[in-house]
Amino acid sequence: MYAAATLWGLGWGGVPTLLQTGVSVAGGEHADTAQSMLVTVWNVAMAGGGVVGGLLLTNLGPMSFPWIVLLLLAPVFLVVVAAARTNGFPGTRLSERGC
């Protein structure tokens, strides 16, 4: 449990700052509007996660969580890899870096 909490903290600790920076840059002159949309989507996602987690816990029990997380991580992994290939290292390919 401690290891999972540590990994979660390390993995997500900087995400809000990175998202705010990315949204601000992408929003350009409309950065204020983009930031407000980010906050709204973030809060809706947190509330939705709580509702879905509660429903899973009530209906399927705590052992459903790891399987649901794996199911959710698969498309996230694909999106991250695709985004890294097109935006993460401009001018180079991941395969050239050994990734």
Protein backbone atom coordinates (compact mmCIF):
# COMPACT_ATOMS: atom_id res chain seq x y z
CA MET A 1 0.00 0.00 0.00
CA TYR A 2 2.82 2.40 0.87
CA ALA A 3 4.62 1.66 -2.39
CA ALA A 4 1.44 2.21 -4.41
CA ALA A 5 0.75 5.51 -2.63
CA THR A 6 4.34 6.63 -3.23
CA LEU A 7 4.21 5.75 -6.93
CA TRP A 8 0.86 7.48 -7.29
CA GLY A 9 2.23 10.61 -5.65
CA LEU A 10 5.35 10.63 -7.79
CA GLY A 11 3.38 9.98 -10.95
CA TRP A 12 0.63 12.53 -10.36
CA GLY A 13 2.41 15.13 -8.23
CA GLY A 14 3.34 17.34 -11.16
CA VAL A 15 0.38 16.66 -13.42
CA PRO A 16 -1.70 19.72 -12.44
CA THR A 17 1.22 22.06 -13.13
CA LEU A 18 2.01 20.38 -16.44
CA LEU A 19 -1.64 20.49 -17.52
CA GLN A 20 -1.99 24.16 -16.58
CA THR A 21 1.15 25.03 -18.51
CA GLY A 22 0.08 23.03 -21.55
CA VAL A 23 -3.43 24.48 -21.55
CA SER A 24 -2.07 28.00 -21.13
CA VAL A 25 0.29 27.61 -24.07
CA ALA A 26 -2.34 25.91 -26.24
CA GLY A 27 -4.97 28.53 -25.34
CA GLY A 28 -2.80 31.42 -26.48
CA GLU A 29 -4.74 34.65 -26.10
CA HIS A 30 -7.68 32.65 -24.72
CA ALA A 31 -5.59 31.08 -21.94
CA ASP A 32 -7.95 32.34 -19.21
CA THR A 33 -10.91 30.59 -20.79
CA ALA A 34 -8.86 27.45 -21.37
CA GLN A 35 -7.76 27.44 -17.72
CA SER A 36 -11.34 27.70 -16.50
CA MET A 37 -12.32 24.81 -18.76
CA LEU A 38 -9.43 22.74 -17.38
CA VAL A 39 -10.53 23.35 -13.80
CA THR A 40 -14.12 22.45 -14.65
CA VAL A 41 -13.16 19.23 -16.45
CA TRP A 42 -10.73 18.29 -13.65
CA ASN A 43 -13.41 18.71 -10.98
CA VAL A 44 -16.04 16.83 -13.00
CA ALA A 45 -13.55 13.99 -13.50
CA MET A 46 -12.79 13.83 -9.77
CA ALA A 47 -16.48 13.81 -8.86
CA GLY A 48 -17.24 11.23 -11.54
CA GLY A 49 -14.40 9.02 -10.29
CA GLY A 50 -15.84 9.17 -6.79
CA VAL A 51 -19.30 8.22 -8.03
CA VAL A 52 -18.02 5.37 -10.20
CA GLY A 53 -15.73 4.16 -7.41
CA GLY A 54 -18.63 4.13 -4.98
CA LEU A 55 -20.82 2.21 -7.41
CA LEU A 56 -18.07 -0.33 -8.06
CA LEU A 57 -17.42 -0.77 -4.37
CA THR A 58 -21.11 -1.22 -3.61
CA ASN A 59 -21.96 -3.51 -6.51
CA LEU A 60 -18.76 -5.46 -7.25
CA GLY A 61 -16.61 -5.05 -4.15
CA PRO A 62 -13.05 -3.80 -3.72
CA MET A 63 -11.51 -6.56 -5.84
CA SER A 64 -13.04 -4.96 -8.93
CA PHE A 65 -10.77 -1.91 -8.64
CA PRO A 66 -7.52 -3.40 -10.00
CA TRP A 67 -9.29 -4.86 -13.03
CA ILE A 68 -11.14 -1.64 -13.80
CA VAL A 69 -7.91 0.33 -13.45
CA LEU A 70 -6.17 -1.99 -15.90
CA LEU A 71 -9.08 -1.59 -18.30
CA LEU A 72 -8.83 2.21 -18.05
CA LEU A 73 -5.04 2.29 -18.31
CA ALA A 74 -4.91 0.49 -21.67
CA PRO A 75 -6.39 3.34 -23.76
CA VAL A 76 -4.53 5.93 -21.66
CA PHE A 77 -1.24 4.18 -22.42
CA LEU A 78 -2.01 4.20 -26.15
CA VAL A 79 -2.85 7.91 -26.10
CA VAL A 80 0.32 8.76 -24.16
CA VAL A 81 2.51 6.77 -26.53
CA ALA A 82 0.86 8.33 -29.59
CA ALA A 83 1.18 11.84 -28.15
CA ALA A 84 4.82 11.29 -27.20
CA ARG A 85 5.61 10.16 -30.72
CA THR A 86 4.05 13.20 -32.33
CA ASN A 87 4.63 15.91 -29.71
CA GLY A 88 7.00 14.70 -27.02
CA PHE A 89 10.24 14.79 -28.96
CA PRO A 90 9.85 17.11 -31.94
CA GLY A 91 12.36 16.47 -34.67
CA THR A 92 13.26 12.99 -33.45
CA ARG A 93 11.59 9.63 -33.40
CA LEU A 94 11.27 7.57 -30.25
CA SER A 95 12.68 4.57 -32.04
CA GLU A 96 15.91 6.52 -32.66
CA ARG A 97 16.19 7.14 -28.91
CA GLY A 98 15.74 3.46 -28.10
CA CYS A 99 12.14 3.85 -26.90
